[in-house]
Amino acid sequence: MPQLEFRLAVMMAERKIRTVTDLTRRLKEQGVEVSSSHMTRFMKDSPPALTLPFLAALCRALECQPGDLFRWVDDQDPASTANVASIKPSAPPSIARTHDEKKVGPRIRALPRPPKRR
């Protein structure tokens, strides 16, 4: 079964972006704040999940299309699966936030008060 390869390192090399810090700076210019350590995880074999706003900012920063960042790889060829990421539909959301998102925590409900003792 073919797998999806995430080609971020290839796109960075083609665009002469040498460091993750440079890409992080470009993403910040696009309105997405993400740490260099989080971006480093994208460079490894299994990147975290991608949100659509983050993917759009990444494409703008790299001046590419979403299809340029991904490639189907046949898993029968061991040489072609060296840098293949397993993209799972149930993966947790990315921690990157855009500037226009509200930075609020989860909703917490107050616990009901215990009955008074008499």
PDB file of N, CA and C in Angstrom:
ATOM      1  N   MET A   1       0.843  -1.185   0.000  1.00  0.00           N
ATOM      2  CA  MET A   1       0.000   0.000   0.000  1.00  0.00           C
ATOM      3  C   MET A   1       0.885   1.244   0.000  1.00  0.00           C
ATOM      4  N   PRO A   2       0.628   2.203  -0.867  1.00  0.00           N
ATOM      5  CA  PRO A   2       1.450   3.415  -0.899  1.00  0.00           C
ATOM      6  C   PRO A   2       1.279   4.246   0.370  1.00  0.00           C
ATOM      7  N   GLN A   3       2.329   4.953   0.707  1.00  0.00           N
ATOM      8  CA  GLN A   3       2.308   5.832   1.872  1.00  0.00           C
ATOM      9  C   GLN A   3       2.613   7.251   1.418  1.00  0.00           C
ATOM     10  N   LEU A   4       2.276   8.191   2.271  1.00  0.00           N
ATOM     11  CA  LEU A   4       2.464   9.601   1.962  1.00  0.00           C
ATOM     12  C   LEU A   4       3.791  10.091   2.529  1.00  0.00           C
ATOM     13  N   GLU A   5       4.603  10.697   1.678  1.00  0.00           N
ATOM     14  CA  GLU A   5       5.894  11.250   2.104  1.00  0.00           C
ATOM     15  C   GLU A   5       5.753  12.758   2.254  1.00  0.00           C
ATOM     16  N   PHE A   6       6.226  13.279   3.363  1.00  0.00           N
ATOM     17  CA  PHE A   6       6.211  14.717   3.613  1.00  0.00           C
ATOM     18  C   PHE A   6       7.565  15.265   3.187  1.00  0.00           C
ATOM     19  N   ARG A   7       7.584  16.161   2.214  1.00  0.00           N
ATOM     20  CA  ARG A   7       8.810  16.612   1.566  1.00  0.00           C
ATOM     21  C   ARG A   7       9.241  18.012   2.008  1.00  0.00           C
ATOM     22  N   LEU A   8       9.128  18.318   3.280  1.00  0.00           N
ATOM     23  CA  LEU A   8       9.480  19.652   3.768  1.00  0.00           C
ATOM     24  C   LEU A   8      10.963  19.947   3.565  1.00  0.00           C
ATOM     25  N   ALA A   9      11.823  18.988   3.890  1.00  0.00           N
ATOM     26  CA  ALA A   9      13.266  19.207   3.756  1.00  0.00           C
ATOM     27  C   ALA A   9      13.648  19.451   2.296  1.00  0.00           C
ATOM     28  N   VAL A  10      13.012  18.736   1.381  1.00  0.00           N
ATOM     29  CA  VAL A  10      13.290  18.911  -0.046  1.00  0.00           C
ATOM     30  C   VAL A  10      12.878  20.310  -0.495  1.00  0.00           C
ATOM     31  N   MET A  11      11.683  20.739  -0.082  1.00  0.00           N
ATOM     32  CA  MET A  11      11.199  22.062  -0.473  1.00  0.00           C
ATOM     33  C   MET A  11      12.075  23.167   0.126  1.00  0.00           C
ATOM     34  N   MET A  12      12.525  22.975   1.372  1.00  0.00           N
ATOM     35  CA  MET A  12      13.409  23.974   1.979  1.00  0.00           C
ATOM     36  C   MET A  12      14.718  24.068   1.204  1.00  0.00           C
ATOM     37  N   ALA A  13      15.280  22.923   0.814  1.00  0.00           N
ATOM     38  CA  ALA A  13      16.537  22.924   0.065  1.00  0.00           C
ATOM     39  C   ALA A  13      16.366  23.582  -1.300  1.00  0.00           C
ATOM     40  N   GLU A  14      15.247  23.304  -1.975  1.00  0.00           N
ATOM     41  CA  GLU A  14      14.998  23.922  -3.279  1.00  0.00           C
ATOM     42  C   GLU A  14      14.839  25.432  -3.170  1.00  0.00           C
ATOM     43  N   ARG A  15      14.324  25.909  -2.027  1.00  0.00           N
ATOM     44  CA  ARG A  15      14.114  27.347  -1.814  1.00  0.00           C
ATOM     45  C   ARG A  15      15.301  28.018  -1.128  1.00  0.00           C
ATOM     46  N   LYS A  16      16.364  27.238  -0.915  1.00  0.00           N
ATOM     47  CA  LYS A  16      17.593  27.727  -0.256  1.00  0.00           C
ATOM     48  C   LYS A  16      17.323  28.259   1.153  1.00  0.00           C
ATOM     49  N   ILE A  17      16.413  27.593   1.854  1.00  0.00           N
ATOM     50  CA  ILE A  17      16.164  27.886   3.263  1.00  0.00           C
ATOM     51  C   ILE A  17      16.990  26.870   4.032  1.00  0.00           C
ATOM     52  N   ARG A  18      18.058  27.334   4.658  1.00  0.00           N
ATOM     53  CA  ARG A  18      19.040  26.427   5.223  1.00  0.00           C
ATOM     54  C   ARG A  18      18.725  25.948   6.644  1.00  0.00           C
ATOM     55  N   THR A  19      18.000  26.743   7.421  1.00  0.00           N
ATOM     56  CA  THR A  19      17.758  26.369   8.810  1.00  0.00           C
ATOM     57  C   THR A  19      16.274  26.412   9.142  1.00  0.00           C
ATOM     58  N   VAL A  20      15.927  25.672  10.178  1.00  0.00           N
ATOM     59  CA  VAL A  20      14.558  25.669  10.670  1.00  0.00           C
ATOM     60  C   VAL A  20      14.201  27.049  11.207  1.00  0.00           C
ATOM     61  N   THR A  21      15.181  27.741  11.767  1.00  0.00           N
ATOM     62  CA  THR A  21      14.948  29.087  12.298  1.00  0.00           C
ATOM     63  C   THR A  21      14.519  30.043  11.183  1.00  0.00           C
ATOM     64  N   ASP A  22      15.130  29.914  10.002  1.00  0.00           N
ATOM     65  CA  ASP A  22      14.728  30.750   8.869  1.00  0.00           C
ATOM     66  C   ASP A  22      13.285  30.476   8.467  1.00  0.00           C
ATOM     67  N   LEU A  23      12.908  29.194   8.442  1.00  0.00           N
ATOM     68  CA  LEU A  23      11.534  28.847   8.093  1.00  0.00           C
ATOM     69  C   LEU A  23      10.568  29.333   9.169  1.00  0.00           C
ATOM     70  N   THR A  24      10.959  29.210  10.427  1.00  0.00           N
ATOM     71  CA  THR A  24      10.128  29.687  11.537  1.00  0.00           C
ATOM     72  C   THR A  24       9.895  31.188  11.425  1.00  0.00           C
ATOM     73  N   ARG A  25      10.922  31.929  11.039  1.00  0.00           N
ATOM     74  CA  ARG A  25      10.794  33.379  10.847  1.00  0.00           C
ATOM     75  C   ARG A  25       9.820  33.684   9.708  1.00  0.00           C
ATOM     76  N   ARG A  26       9.918  32.945   8.618  1.00  0.00           N
ATOM     77  CA  ARG A  26       9.002  33.149   7.493  1.00  0.00           C
ATOM     78  C   ARG A  26       7.557  32.829   7.883  1.00  0.00           C
ATOM     79  N   LEU A  27       7.381  31.782   8.688  1.00  0.00           N
ATOM     80  CA  LEU A  27       6.036  31.440   9.150  1.00  0.00           C
ATOM     81  C   LEU A  27       5.473  32.532  10.045  1.00  0.00           C
ATOM     82  N   LYS A  28       6.327  33.122  10.880  1.00  0.00           N
ATOM     83  CA  LYS A  28       5.888  34.209  11.749  1.00  0.00           C
ATOM     84  C   LYS A  28       5.425  35.400  10.918  1.00  0.00           C
ATOM     85  N   GLU A  29       6.098  35.664   9.807  1.00  0.00           N
ATOM     86  CA  GLU A  29       5.682  36.730   8.898  1.00  0.00           C
ATOM     87  C   GLU A  29       4.313  36.426   8.289  1.00  0.00           C
ATOM     88  N   GLN A  30       3.963  35.139   8.195  1.00  0.00           N
ATOM     89  CA  GLN A  30       2.658  34.720   7.658  1.00  0.00           C
ATOM     90  C   GLN A  30       1.576  34.684   8.729  1.00  0.00           C
ATOM     91  N   GLY A  31       1.950  35.000   9.984  1.00  0.00           N
ATOM     92  CA  GLY A  31       0.974  35.042  11.061  1.00  0.00           C
ATOM     93  C   GLY A  31       0.878  33.768  11.876  1.00  0.00           C
ATOM     94  N   VAL A  32       1.828  32.865  11.717  1.00  0.00           N
ATOM     95  CA  VAL A  32       1.814  31.607  12.475  1.00  0.00           C
ATOM     96  C   VAL A  32       3.042  31.564  13.361  1.00  0.00           C
ATOM     97  N   GLU A  33       2.804  31.447  14.653  1.00  0.00           N
ATOM     98  CA  GLU A  33       3.914  31.330  15.590  1.00  0.00           C
ATOM     99  C   GLU A  33       4.089  29.872  15.955  1.00  0.00           C
ATOM    100  N   VAL A  34       5.273  29.357  15.725  1.00  0.00           N
ATOM    101  CA  VAL A  34       5.599  27.980  16.046  1.00  0.00           C
ATOM    102  C   VAL A  34       7.060  27.955  16.478  1.00  0.00           C
ATOM    103  N   SER A  35       7.367  27.133  17.447  1.00  0.00           N
ATOM    104  CA  SER A  35       8.735  27.087  17.969  1.00  0.00           C
ATOM    105  C   SER A  35       9.648  26.337  17.010  1.00  0.00           C
ATOM    106  N   SER A  36      10.930  26.615  17.110  1.00  0.00           N
ATOM    107  CA  SER A  36      11.909  25.912  16.281  1.00  0.00           C
ATOM    108  C   SER A  36      11.932  24.424  16.600  1.00  0.00           C
ATOM    109  N   SER A  37      11.717  24.083  17.876  1.00  0.00           N
ATOM    110  CA  SER A  37      11.721  22.665  18.243  1.00  0.00           C
ATOM    111  C   SER A  37      10.526  21.936  17.619  1.00  0.00           C
ATOM    112  N   HIS A  38       9.381  22.623  17.527  1.00  0.00           N
ATOM    113  CA  HIS A  38       8.213  22.016  16.876  1.00  0.00           C
ATOM    114  C   HIS A  38       8.480  21.833  15.381  1.00  0.00           C
ATOM    115  N   MET A  39       9.108  22.817  14.761  1.00  0.00           N
ATOM    116  CA  MET A  39       9.417  22.701  13.336  1.00  0.00           C
ATOM    117  C   MET A  39      10.445  21.605  13.085  1.00  0.00           C
ATOM    118  N   THR A  40      11.343  21.386  14.038  1.00  0.00           N
ATOM    119  CA  THR A  40      12.330  20.318  13.879  1.00  0.00           C
ATOM    120  C   THR A  40      11.644  18.966  13.797  1.00  0.00           C
ATOM    121  N   ARG A  41      10.537  18.794  14.522  1.00  0.00           N
ATOM    122  CA  ARG A  41       9.792  17.535  14.440  1.00  0.00           C
ATOM    123  C   ARG A  41       9.216  17.315  13.046  1.00  0.00           C
ATOM    124  N   PHE A  42       8.907  18.398  12.331  1.00  0.00           N
ATOM    125  CA  PHE A  42       8.421  18.257  10.967  1.00  0.00           C
ATOM    126  C   PHE A  42       9.505  17.737  10.035  1.00  0.00           C
ATOM    127  N   MET A  43      10.757  17.967  10.384  1.00  0.00           N
ATOM    128  CA  MET A  43      11.860  17.539   9.538  1.00  0.00           C
ATOM    129  C   MET A  43      12.167  16.044   9.709  1.00  0.00           C
ATOM    130  N   LYS A  44      11.711  15.453  10.788  1.00  0.00           N
ATOM    131  CA  LYS A  44      12.010  14.052  11.066  1.00  0.00           C
ATOM    132  C   LYS A  44      11.063  13.127  10.314  1.00  0.00           C
ATOM    133  N   ASP A  45      11.199  11.839  10.541  1.00  0.00           N
ATOM    134  CA  ASP A  45      10.424  10.839   9.811  1.00  0.00           C
ATOM    135  C   ASP A  45       8.928  10.921  10.062  1.00  0.00           C
ATOM    136  N   SER A  46       8.512  11.230  11.260  1.00  0.00           N
ATOM    137  CA  SER A  46       7.076  11.255  11.542  1.00  0.00           C
ATOM    138  C   SER A  46       6.669  12.609  12.113  1.00  0.00           C
ATOM    139  N   PRO A  47       6.274  13.537  11.241  1.00  0.00           N
ATOM    140  CA  PRO A  47       5.884  14.863  11.710  1.00  0.00           C
ATOM    141  C   PRO A  47       4.555  14.813  12.441  1.00  0.00           C
ATOM    142  N   PRO A  48       4.304  15.815  13.301  1.00  0.00           N
ATOM    143  CA  PRO A  48       2.993  15.889  13.951  1.00  0.00           C
ATOM    144  C   PRO A  48       1.913  16.240  12.934  1.00  0.00           C
ATOM    145  N   ALA A  49       0.694  16.271  13.367  1.00  0.00           N
ATOM    146  CA  ALA A  49      -0.431  16.557  12.477  1.00  0.00           C
ATOM    147  C   ALA A  49      -0.356  17.976  11.929  1.00  0.00           C
ATOM    148  N   LEU A  50      -0.958  18.172  10.777  1.00  0.00           N
ATOM    149  CA  LEU A  50      -1.004  19.484  10.143  1.00  0.00           C
ATOM    150  C   LEU A  50      -2.425  20.016  10.174  1.00  0.00           C
ATOM    151  N   THR A  51      -2.564  21.282  10.518  1.00  0.00           N
ATOM    152  CA  THR A  51      -3.869  21.929  10.391  1.00  0.00           C
ATOM    153  C   THR A  51      -3.879  22.664   9.049  1.00  0.00           C
ATOM    154  N   LEU A  52      -5.060  22.933   8.533  1.00  0.00           N
ATOM    155  CA  LEU A  52      -5.141  23.642   7.252  1.00  0.00           C
ATOM    156  C   LEU A  52      -4.565  25.053   7.310  1.00  0.00           C
ATOM    157  N   PRO A  53      -4.803  25.843   8.383  1.00  0.00           N
ATOM    158  CA  PRO A  53      -4.167  27.170   8.432  1.00  0.00           C
ATOM    159  C   PRO A  53      -2.636  27.088   8.461  1.00  0.00           C
ATOM    160  N   PHE A  54      -2.112  26.076   9.166  1.00  0.00           N
ATOM    161  CA  PHE A  54      -0.656  25.916   9.218  1.00  0.00           C
ATOM    162  C   PHE A  54      -0.126  25.497   7.850  1.00  0.00           C
ATOM    163  N   LEU A  55      -0.813  24.573   7.186  1.00  0.00           N
ATOM    164  CA  LEU A  55      -0.397  24.127   5.857  1.00  0.00           C
ATOM    165  C   LEU A  55      -0.422  25.291   4.867  1.00  0.00           C
ATOM    166  N   ALA A  56      -1.454  26.132   4.947  1.00  0.00           N
ATOM    167  CA  ALA A  56      -1.546  27.292   4.064  1.00  0.00           C
ATOM    168  C   ALA A  56      -0.390  28.263   4.310  1.00  0.00           C
ATOM    169  N   ALA A  57      -0.064  28.509   5.574  1.00  0.00           N
ATOM    170  CA  ALA A  57       1.056  29.408   5.900  1.00  0.00           C
ATOM    171  C   ALA A  57       2.383  28.806   5.448  1.00  0.00           C
ATOM    172  N   LEU A  58       2.521  27.506   5.606  1.00  0.00           N
ATOM    173  CA  LEU A  58       3.735  26.820   5.172  1.00  0.00           C
ATOM    174  C   LEU A  58       3.901  26.948   3.659  1.00  0.00           C
ATOM    175  N   CYS A  59       2.808  26.786   2.919  1.00  0.00           N
ATOM    176  CA  CYS A  59       2.859  26.930   1.459  1.00  0.00           C
ATOM    177  C   CYS A  59       3.199  28.363   1.051  1.00  0.00           C
ATOM    178  N   ARG A  60       2.633  29.348   1.761  1.00  0.00           N
ATOM    179  CA  ARG A  60       2.964  30.746   1.451  1.00  0.00           C
ATOM    180  C   ARG A  60       4.429  31.041   1.765  1.00  0.00           C
ATOM    181  N   ALA A  61       4.925  30.524   2.882  1.00  0.00           N
ATOM    182  CA  ALA A  61       6.320  30.769   3.271  1.00  0.00           C
ATOM    183  C   ALA A  61       7.295  30.115   2.294  1.00  0.00           C
ATOM    184  N   LEU A  62       6.920  28.946   1.766  1.00  0.00           N
ATOM    185  CA  LEU A  62       7.789  28.231   0.835  1.00  0.00           C
ATOM    186  C   LEU A  62       7.485  28.555  -0.628  1.00  0.00           C
ATOM    187  N   GLU A  63       6.424  29.365  -0.847  1.00  0.00           N
ATOM    188  CA  GLU A  63       5.993  29.714  -2.199  1.00  0.00           C
ATOM    189  C   GLU A  63       5.772  28.459  -3.037  1.00  0.00           C
ATOM    190  N   CYS A  64       4.892  27.581  -2.525  1.00  0.00           N
ATOM    191  CA  CYS A  64       4.600  26.330  -3.207  1.00  0.00           C
ATOM    192  C   CYS A  64       3.131  25.971  -3.035  1.00  0.00           C
ATOM    193  N   GLN A  65       2.711  24.903  -3.650  1.00  0.00           N
ATOM    194  CA  GLN A  65       1.365  24.367  -3.531  1.00  0.00           C
ATOM    195  C   GLN A  65       1.376  23.220  -2.527  1.00  0.00           C
ATOM    196  N   PRO A  66       0.243  22.904  -1.901  1.00  0.00           N
ATOM    197  CA  PRO A  66       0.217  21.784  -0.953  1.00  0.00           C
ATOM    198  C   PRO A  66       0.698  20.466  -1.570  1.00  0.00           C
ATOM    199  N   GLY A  67       0.381  20.249  -2.828  1.00  0.00           N
ATOM    200  CA  GLY A  67       0.816  19.022  -3.496  1.00  0.00           C
ATOM    201  C   GLY A  67       2.320  18.912  -3.649  1.00  0.00           C
ATOM    202  N   ASP A  68       3.023  20.050  -3.594  1.00  0.00           N
ATOM    203  CA  ASP A  68       4.484  20.024  -3.678  1.00  0.00           C
ATOM    204  C   ASP A  68       5.114  19.471  -2.404  1.00  0.00           C
ATOM    205  N   LEU A  69       4.386  19.552  -1.296  1.00  0.00           N
ATOM    206  CA  LEU A  69       4.915  19.100  -0.008  1.00  0.00           C
ATOM    207  C   LEU A  69       4.710  17.607   0.239  1.00  0.00           C
ATOM    208  N   PHE A  70       3.881  16.959  -0.576  1.00  0.00           N
ATOM    209  CA  PHE A  70       3.563  15.551  -0.357  1.00  0.00           C
ATOM    210  C   PHE A  70       3.821  14.751  -1.623  1.00  0.00           C
ATOM    211  N   ARG A  71       4.140  13.454  -1.425  1.00  0.00           N
ATOM    212  CA  ARG A  71       4.358  12.560  -2.547  1.00  0.00           C
ATOM    213  C   ARG A  71       3.967  11.156  -2.128  1.00  0.00           C
ATOM    214  N   TRP A  72       3.265  10.450  -3.003  1.00  0.00           N
ATOM    215  CA  TRP A  72       2.944   9.049  -2.731  1.00  0.00           C
ATOM    216  C   TRP A  72       4.172   8.205  -3.015  1.00  0.00           C
ATOM    217  N   VAL A  73       4.476   7.279  -2.094  1.00  0.00           N
ATOM    218  CA  VAL A  73       5.638   6.405  -2.227  1.00  0.00           C
ATOM    219  C   VAL A  73       5.163   4.972  -2.116  1.00  0.00           C
ATOM    220  N   ASP A  74       5.629   4.131  -3.040  1.00  0.00           N
ATOM    221  CA  ASP A  74       5.281   2.719  -3.016  1.00  0.00           C
ATOM    222  C   ASP A  74       6.096   2.037  -1.925  1.00  0.00           C
ATOM    223  N   ASP A  75       5.441   1.367  -0.992  1.00  0.00           N
ATOM    224  CA  ASP A  75       6.156   0.740   0.121  1.00  0.00           C
ATOM    225  C   ASP A  75       6.837  -0.566  -0.278  1.00  0.00           C
ATOM    226  N   GLN A  76       6.700  -1.004  -1.524  1.00  0.00           N
ATOM    227  CA  GLN A  76       7.387  -2.206  -1.989  1.00  0.00           C
ATOM    228  C   GLN A  76       8.863  -1.921  -2.244  1.00  0.00           C
ATOM    229  N   ASP A  77       9.193  -0.658  -2.495  1.00  0.00           N
ATOM    230  CA  ASP A  77      10.571  -0.254  -2.759  1.00  0.00           C
ATOM    231  C   ASP A  77      11.182   0.266  -1.469  1.00  0.00           C
ATOM    232  N   PRO A  78      12.107  -0.497  -0.829  1.00  0.00           N
ATOM    233  CA  PRO A  78      12.665  -0.062   0.461  1.00  0.00           C
ATOM    234  C   PRO A  78      13.433   1.252   0.384  1.00  0.00           C
ATOM    235  N   ALA A  79      14.039   1.558  -0.758  1.00  0.00           N
ATOM    236  CA  ALA A  79      14.799   2.805  -0.879  1.00  0.00           C
ATOM    237  C   ALA A  79      13.877   4.014  -0.887  1.00  0.00           C
ATOM    238  N   SER A  80      12.646   3.848  -1.386  1.00  0.00           N
ATOM    239  CA  SER A  80      11.743   4.994  -1.488  1.00  0.00           C
ATOM    240  C   SER A  80      10.994   5.284  -0.197  1.00  0.00           C
ATOM    241  N   THR A  81      11.060   4.395   0.779  1.00  0.00           N
ATOM    242  CA  THR A  81      10.329   4.608   2.029  1.00  0.00           C
ATOM    243  C   THR A  81      11.222   5.055   3.172  1.00  0.00           C
ATOM    244  N   ALA A  82      12.406   5.536   2.880  1.00  0.00           N
ATOM    245  CA  ALA A  82      13.330   5.938   3.941  1.00  0.00           C
ATOM    246  C   ALA A  82      12.802   7.114   4.752  1.00  0.00           C
ATOM    247  N   ASN A  83      12.155   8.080   4.108  1.00  0.00           N
ATOM    248  CA  ASN A  83      11.666   9.278   4.800  1.00  0.00           C
ATOM    249  C   ASN A  83      10.161   9.417   4.705  1.00  0.00           C
ATOM    250  N   VAL A  84       9.462   8.318   4.831  1.00  0.00           N
ATOM    251  CA  VAL A  84       8.015   8.334   4.687  1.00  0.00           C
ATOM    252  C   VAL A  84       7.373   8.528   6.045  1.00  0.00           C
ATOM    253  N   ALA A  85       6.418   9.436   6.101  1.00  0.00           N
ATOM    254  CA  ALA A  85       5.683   9.692   7.335  1.00  0.00           C
ATOM    255  C   ALA A  85       4.363   8.954   7.288  1.00  0.00           C
ATOM    256  N   SER A  86       3.966   8.410   8.393  1.00  0.00           N
ATOM    257  CA  SER A  86       2.659   7.784   8.486  1.00  0.00           C
ATOM    258  C   SER A  86       1.665   8.864   8.882  1.00  0.00           C
ATOM    259  N   ILE A  87       0.856   9.291   7.961  1.00  0.00           N
ATOM    260  CA  ILE A  87      -0.136  10.320   8.222  1.00  0.00           C
ATOM    261  C   ILE A  87      -1.411   9.629   8.669  1.00  0.00           C
ATOM    262  N   LYS A  88      -1.809   9.866   9.904  1.00  0.00           N
ATOM    263  CA  LYS A  88      -2.990   9.228  10.460  1.00  0.00           C
ATOM    264  C   LYS A  88      -4.126  10.239  10.531  1.00  0.00           C
ATOM    265  N   PRO A  89      -5.325   9.861  10.128  1.00  0.00           N
ATOM    266  CA  PRO A  89      -6.427  10.813  10.191  1.00  0.00           C
ATOM    267  C   PRO A  89      -6.822  11.198  11.603  1.00  0.00           C
ATOM    268  N   SER A  90      -6.497  10.364  12.581  1.00  0.00           N
ATOM    269  CA  SER A  90      -6.882  10.666  13.949  1.00  0.00           C
ATOM    270  C   SER A  90      -5.738  11.288  14.751  1.00  0.00           C
ATOM    271  N   ALA A  91      -4.764  11.868  14.076  1.00  0.00           N
ATOM    272  CA  ALA A  91      -3.618  12.461  14.756  1.00  0.00           C
ATOM    273  C   ALA A  91      -4.049  13.709  15.516  1.00  0.00           C
ATOM    274  N   PRO A  92      -3.352  14.042  16.612  1.00  0.00           N
ATOM    275  CA  PRO A  92      -3.724  15.221  17.393  1.00  0.00           C
ATOM    276  C   PRO A  92      -3.464  16.500  16.615  1.00  0.00           C
ATOM    277  N   PRO A  93      -4.181  17.575  16.908  1.00  0.00           N
ATOM    278  CA  PRO A  93      -4.000  18.825  16.170  1.00  0.00           C
ATOM    279  C   PRO A  93      -2.638  19.442  16.439  1.00  0.00           C
ATOM    280  N   SER A  94      -2.200  20.264  15.508  1.00  0.00           N
ATOM    281  CA  SER A  94      -0.924  20.958  15.627  1.00  0.00           C
ATOM    282  C   SER A  94      -1.005  21.999  16.740  1.00  0.00           C
ATOM    283  N   ILE A  95       0.154  22.309  17.337  1.00  0.00           N
ATOM    284  CA  ILE A  95       0.160  23.306  18.405  1.00  0.00           C
ATOM    285  C   ILE A  95       0.368  24.717  17.863  1.00  0.00           C
ATOM    286  N   ALA A  96       0.567  24.829  16.542  1.00  0.00           N
ATOM    287  CA  ALA A  96       0.756  26.156  15.962  1.00  0.00           C
ATOM    288  C   ALA A  96      -0.548  26.941  16.035  1.00  0.00           C
ATOM    289  N   ARG A  97      -0.433  28.216  16.339  1.00  0.00           N
ATOM    290  CA  ARG A  97      -1.609  29.081  16.430  1.00  0.00           C
ATOM    291  C   ARG A  97      -1.417  30.271  15.517  1.00  0.00           C
ATOM    292  N   THR A  98      -2.479  30.683  14.890  1.00  0.00           N
ATOM    293  CA  THR A  98      -2.422  31.905  14.108  1.00  0.00           C
ATOM    294  C   THR A  98      -2.713  33.078  15.034  1.00  0.00           C
ATOM    295  N   HIS A  99      -2.311  34.277  14.616  1.00  0.00           N
ATOM    296  CA  HIS A  99      -2.498  35.455  15.459  1.00  0.00           C
ATOM    297  C   HIS A  99      -3.958  35.769  15.701  1.00  0.00           C
ATOM    298  N   ASP A 100      -4.821  35.412  14.745  1.00  0.00           N
ATOM    299  CA  ASP A 100      -6.220  35.779  14.906  1.00  0.00           C
ATOM    300  C   ASP A 100      -7.015  34.772  15.741  1.00  0.00           C
ATOM    301  N   GLU A 101      -6.393  33.656  16.129  1.00  0.00           N
ATOM    302  CA  GLU A 101      -7.088  32.710  16.999  1.00  0.00           C
ATOM    303  C   GLU A 101      -7.065  33.221  18.438  1.00  0.00           C
ATOM    304  N   LYS A 102      -8.121  32.937  19.146  1.00  0.00           N
ATOM    305  CA  LYS A 102      -8.139  33.297  20.556  1.00  0.00           C
ATOM    306  C   LYS A 102      -7.280  32.299  21.312  1.00  0.00           C
ATOM    307  N   LYS A 103      -6.474  32.789  22.202  1.00  0.00           N
ATOM    308  CA  LYS A 103      -5.603  31.929  22.978  1.00  0.00           C
ATOM    309  C   LYS A 103      -6.245  31.685  24.330  1.00  0.00           C
ATOM    310  N   VAL A 104      -7.198  30.808  24.337  1.00  0.00           N
ATOM    311  CA  VAL A 104      -7.898  30.469  25.564  1.00  0.00           C
ATOM    312  C   VAL A 104      -7.733  28.987  25.824  1.00  0.00           C
ATOM    313  N   GLY A 105      -7.867  28.624  27.059  1.00  0.00           N
ATOM    314  CA  GLY A 105      -7.728  27.231  27.453  1.00  0.00           C
ATOM    315  C   GLY A 105      -9.007  26.453  27.248  1.00  0.00           C
ATOM    316  N   PRO A 106      -9.009  25.217  27.682  1.00  0.00           N
ATOM    317  CA  PRO A 106     -10.208  24.402  27.529  1.00  0.00           C
ATOM    318  C   PRO A 106     -11.318  24.886  28.442  1.00  0.00           C
ATOM    319  N   ARG A 107     -12.537  24.562  28.055  1.00  0.00           N
ATOM    320  CA  ARG A 107     -13.673  24.924  28.900  1.00  0.00           C
ATOM    321  C   ARG A 107     -13.692  24.010  30.110  1.00  0.00           C
ATOM    322  N   ILE A 108     -13.853  24.602  31.270  1.00  0.00           N
ATOM    323  CA  ILE A 108     -13.884  23.838  32.515  1.00  0.00           C
ATOM    324  C   ILE A 108     -15.194  24.153  33.218  1.00  0.00           C
ATOM    325  N   ARG A 109     -15.914  23.117  33.542  1.00  0.00           N
ATOM    326  CA  ARG A 109     -17.168  23.302  34.268  1.00  0.00           C
ATOM    327  C   ARG A 109     -16.905  23.170  35.755  1.00  0.00           C
ATOM    328  N   ALA A 110     -17.590  23.968  36.499  1.00  0.00           N
ATOM    329  CA  ALA A 110     -17.462  23.872  37.949  1.00  0.00           C
ATOM    330  C   ALA A 110     -18.154  22.602  38.423  1.00  0.00           C
ATOM    331  N   LEU A 111     -17.560  21.978  39.411  1.00  0.00           N
ATOM    332  CA  LEU A 111     -18.171  20.786  39.985  1.00  0.00           C
ATOM    333  C   LEU A 111     -19.385  21.176  40.822  1.00  0.00           C
ATOM    334  N   PRO A 112     -20.395  20.330  40.865  1.00  0.00           N
ATOM    335  CA  PRO A 112     -21.543  20.658  41.699  1.00  0.00           C
ATOM    336  C   PRO A 112     -21.146  20.650  43.165  1.00  0.00           C
ATOM    337  N   ARG A 113     -21.773  21.526  43.905  1.00  0.00           N
ATOM    338  CA  ARG A 113     -21.465  21.603  45.342  1.00  0.00           C
ATOM    339  C   ARG A 113     -22.058  20.401  46.056  1.00  0.00           C
ATOM    340  N   PRO A 114     -21.323  19.892  47.031  1.00  0.00           N
ATOM    341  CA  PRO A 114     -21.875  18.761  47.787  1.00  0.00           C
ATOM    342  C   PRO A 114     -23.036  19.237  48.674  1.00  0.00           C
ATOM    343  N   PRO A 115     -23.950  18.357  49.008  1.00  0.00           N
ATOM    344  CA  PRO A 115     -25.073  18.764  49.852  1.00  0.00           C
ATOM    345  C   PRO A 115     -24.566  19.167  51.252  1.00  0.00           C
ATOM    346  N   LYS A 116     -25.261  20.112  51.863  1.00  0.00           N
ATOM    347  CA  LYS A 116     -24.873  20.570  53.191  1.00  0.00           C
ATOM    348  C   LYS A 116     -25.225  19.509  54.221  1.00  0.00           C
ATOM    349  N   ARG A 117     -24.327  19.394  55.171  1.00  0.00           N
ATOM    350  CA  ARG A 117     -24.577  18.449  56.273  1.00  0.00           C
ATOM    351  C   ARG A 117     -25.396  19.129  57.344  1.00  0.00           C
ATOM    352  N   ARG A 118     -26.333  18.412  57.921  1.00  0.00           N
ATOM    353  CA  ARG A 118     -27.169  18.999  58.971  1.00  0.00           C
ATOM    354  C   ARG A 118     -26.928  18.369  60.292  1.00  0.00           C
TER     355      ARG A 118
END
